[in-house]
């Protein structure tokens, strides 16, 4: 979880540096230093949100996978019952 927050915080820092580079302003000038923690915090909060989305999606996928596996097992059991039941029905 921390790696995503760190990545997006770094992305926020890089975004701020790129913004100042595009504006041709000093990247580490004293008046512009306040923006780095702000951009890093925004990036880290986005990383935290993305982690939550990923966890919810993974749990949803696991539930759906289990439902599909259960459905396949029921279908296989039904086919096996039908396969064993047909000779008996034909014998009567």
C-alpha atoms as a PDB file:
ATOM      1  CA  UNK A   1       0.000   0.000   0.000  1.00  0.00           C
ATOM      2  CA  UNK A   2       2.789   2.386   0.891  1.00  0.00           C
ATOM      3  CA  UNK A   3       4.524   1.926  -2.459  1.00  0.00           C
ATOM      4  CA  UNK A   4       1.550   3.394  -4.338  1.00  0.00           C
ATOM      5  CA  UNK A   5       1.351   6.376  -2.016  1.00  0.00           C
ATOM      6  CA  UNK A   6       5.093   6.992  -2.346  1.00  0.00           C
ATOM      7  CA  UNK A   7       4.919   6.653  -6.139  1.00  0.00           C
ATOM      8  CA  UNK A   8       2.040   9.118  -6.465  1.00  0.00           C
ATOM      9  CA  UNK A   9       3.655  11.528  -3.990  1.00  0.00           C
ATOM     10  CA  UNK A  10       6.781  11.455  -6.158  1.00  0.00           C
ATOM     11  CA  UNK A  11       4.613  11.972  -9.209  1.00  0.00           C
ATOM     12  CA  UNK A  12       3.113  15.033  -7.508  1.00  0.00           C
ATOM     13  CA  UNK A  13       6.591  16.399  -6.821  1.00  0.00           C
ATOM     14  CA  UNK A  14       7.635  15.784 -10.415  1.00  0.00           C
ATOM     15  CA  UNK A  15       4.461  17.490 -11.617  1.00  0.00           C
ATOM     16  CA  UNK A  16       5.259  20.574  -9.551  1.00  0.00           C
ATOM     17  CA  UNK A  17       8.836  20.665 -10.853  1.00  0.00           C
ATOM     18  CA  UNK A  18       7.575  20.265 -14.425  1.00  0.00           C
ATOM     19  CA  UNK A  19       5.008  23.019 -13.917  1.00  0.00           C
ATOM     20  CA  UNK A  20       7.672  25.430 -12.707  1.00  0.00           C
ATOM     21  CA  UNK A  21       9.967  24.362 -15.558  1.00  0.00           C
ATOM     22  CA  UNK A  22       7.263  25.119 -18.114  1.00  0.00           C
ATOM     23  CA  UNK A  23       6.750  28.535 -16.522  1.00  0.00           C
ATOM     24  CA  UNK A  24      10.543  28.994 -16.518  1.00  0.00           C
ATOM     25  CA  UNK A  25      10.498  29.835 -12.829  1.00  0.00           C
ATOM     26  CA  UNK A  26      13.160  28.694 -10.346  1.00  0.00           C
ATOM     27  CA  UNK A  27      12.418  25.110  -9.351  1.00  0.00           C
ATOM     28  CA  UNK A  28      13.867  25.452  -5.847  1.00  0.00           C
ATOM     29  CA  UNK A  29      13.248  29.152  -5.280  1.00  0.00           C
ATOM     30  CA  UNK A  30      12.062  30.128  -1.812  1.00  0.00           C
ATOM     31  CA  UNK A  31       8.671  31.484  -2.988  1.00  0.00           C
ATOM     32  CA  UNK A  32       7.899  28.227  -4.827  1.00  0.00           C
ATOM     33  CA  UNK A  33       8.846  25.720  -2.120  1.00  0.00           C
ATOM     34  CA  UNK A  34       5.376  25.705  -0.524  1.00  0.00           C
ATOM     35  CA  UNK A  35       3.943  23.916  -3.571  1.00  0.00           C
ATOM     36  CA  UNK A  36       6.007  20.759  -3.237  1.00  0.00           C
ATOM     37  CA  UNK A  37       4.391  19.477  -0.031  1.00  0.00           C
ATOM     38  CA  UNK A  38       0.963  20.378  -1.412  1.00  0.00           C
ATOM     39  CA  UNK A  39       1.514  18.482  -4.659  1.00  0.00           C
ATOM     40  CA  UNK A  40       3.086  15.553  -2.767  1.00  0.00           C
ATOM     41  CA  UNK A  41       0.101  15.401  -0.396  1.00  0.00           C
ATOM     42  CA  UNK A  42      -2.357  15.488  -3.281  1.00  0.00           C
ATOM     43  CA  UNK A  43      -0.410  12.725  -5.041  1.00  0.00           C
ATOM     44  CA  UNK A  44      -0.210  10.601  -1.889  1.00  0.00           C
ATOM     45  CA  UNK A  45      -3.933  10.963  -1.248  1.00  0.00           C
ATOM     46  CA  UNK A  46      -4.608   9.912  -4.838  1.00  0.00           C
ATOM     47  CA  UNK A  47      -2.352   6.879  -4.316  1.00  0.00           C
ATOM     48  CA  UNK A  48      -4.272   6.015  -1.147  1.00  0.00           C
ATOM     49  CA  UNK A  49      -7.562   6.263  -3.045  1.00  0.00           C
ATOM     50  CA  UNK A  50      -6.221   4.102  -5.905  1.00  0.00           C
ATOM     51  CA  UNK A  51      -5.142   1.478  -3.356  1.00  0.00           C
ATOM     52  CA  UNK A  52      -8.681   1.377  -1.941  1.00  0.00           C
ATOM     53  CA  UNK A  53     -10.161   1.032  -5.413  1.00  0.00           C
ATOM     54  CA  UNK A  54      -7.752  -1.817  -6.179  1.00  0.00           C
ATOM     55  CA  UNK A  55      -8.632  -3.650  -2.958  1.00  0.00           C
ATOM     56  CA  UNK A  56     -12.376  -3.334  -3.652  1.00  0.00           C
ATOM     57  CA  UNK A  57     -11.926  -4.553  -7.222  1.00  0.00           C
ATOM     58  CA  UNK A  58      -9.789  -7.499  -6.128  1.00  0.00           C
ATOM     59  CA  UNK A  59     -12.371  -8.582  -3.546  1.00  0.00           C
ATOM     60  CA  UNK A  60     -15.147  -8.266  -6.131  1.00  0.00           C
ATOM     61  CA  UNK A  61     -13.140 -10.333  -8.619  1.00  0.00           C
ATOM     62  CA  UNK A  62     -12.475 -13.010  -6.004  1.00  0.00           C
ATOM     63  CA  UNK A  63     -16.206 -13.221  -5.195  1.00  0.00           C
ATOM     64  CA  UNK A  64     -17.109 -13.521  -8.862  1.00  0.00           C
ATOM     65  CA  UNK A  65     -14.387 -16.098  -9.457  1.00  0.00           C
ATOM     66  CA  UNK A  66     -15.664 -18.178  -6.545  1.00  0.00           C
ATOM     67  CA  UNK A  67     -19.244 -17.908  -7.848  1.00  0.00           C
ATOM     68  CA  UNK A  68     -18.134 -19.105 -11.297  1.00  0.00           C
ATOM     69  CA  UNK A  69     -16.150 -22.001  -9.804  1.00  0.00           C
ATOM     70  CA  UNK A  70     -19.169 -23.016  -7.698  1.00  0.00           C
ATOM     71  CA  UNK A  71     -21.392 -22.853 -10.764  1.00  0.00           C
ATOM     72  CA  UNK A  72     -18.958 -25.039 -12.737  1.00  0.00           C
ATOM     73  CA  UNK A  73     -18.822 -27.568  -9.899  1.00  0.00           C
ATOM     74  CA  UNK A  74     -22.635 -27.748  -9.753  1.00  0.00           C
ATOM     75  CA  UNK A  75     -22.810 -28.191 -13.532  1.00  0.00           C
ATOM     76  CA  UNK A  76     -20.189 -30.964 -13.445  1.00  0.00           C
ATOM     77  CA  UNK A  77     -22.052 -32.721 -10.615  1.00  0.00           C
ATOM     78  CA  UNK A  78     -25.317 -32.458 -12.552  1.00  0.00           C
ATOM     79  CA  UNK A  79     -23.693 -33.886 -15.697  1.00  0.00           C
ATOM     80  CA  UNK A  80     -22.182 -36.709 -13.686  1.00  0.00           C
ATOM     81  CA  UNK A  81     -25.577 -37.498 -12.118  1.00  0.00           C
ATOM     82  CA  UNK A  82     -27.198 -37.458 -15.552  1.00  0.00           C
ATOM     83  CA  UNK A  83     -24.477 -39.705 -16.963  1.00  0.00           C
ATOM     84  CA  UNK A  84     -24.965 -42.224 -14.159  1.00  0.00           C
ATOM     85  CA  UNK A  85     -28.731 -41.889 -14.244  1.00  0.00           C
ATOM     86  CA  UNK A  86     -29.211 -42.521 -18.000  1.00  0.00           C
ATOM     87  CA  UNK A  87     -28.238 -46.212 -18.077  1.00  0.00           C
ATOM     88  CA  UNK A  88     -30.565 -46.925 -15.169  1.00  0.00           C
ATOM     89  CA  UNK A  89     -33.433 -45.084 -16.858  1.00  0.00           C
ATOM     90  CA  UNK A  90     -32.789 -46.959 -20.120  1.00  0.00           C
ATOM     91  CA  UNK A  91     -32.778 -50.318 -18.289  1.00  0.00           C
ATOM     92  CA  UNK A  92     -36.308 -49.781 -16.933  1.00  0.00           C
END
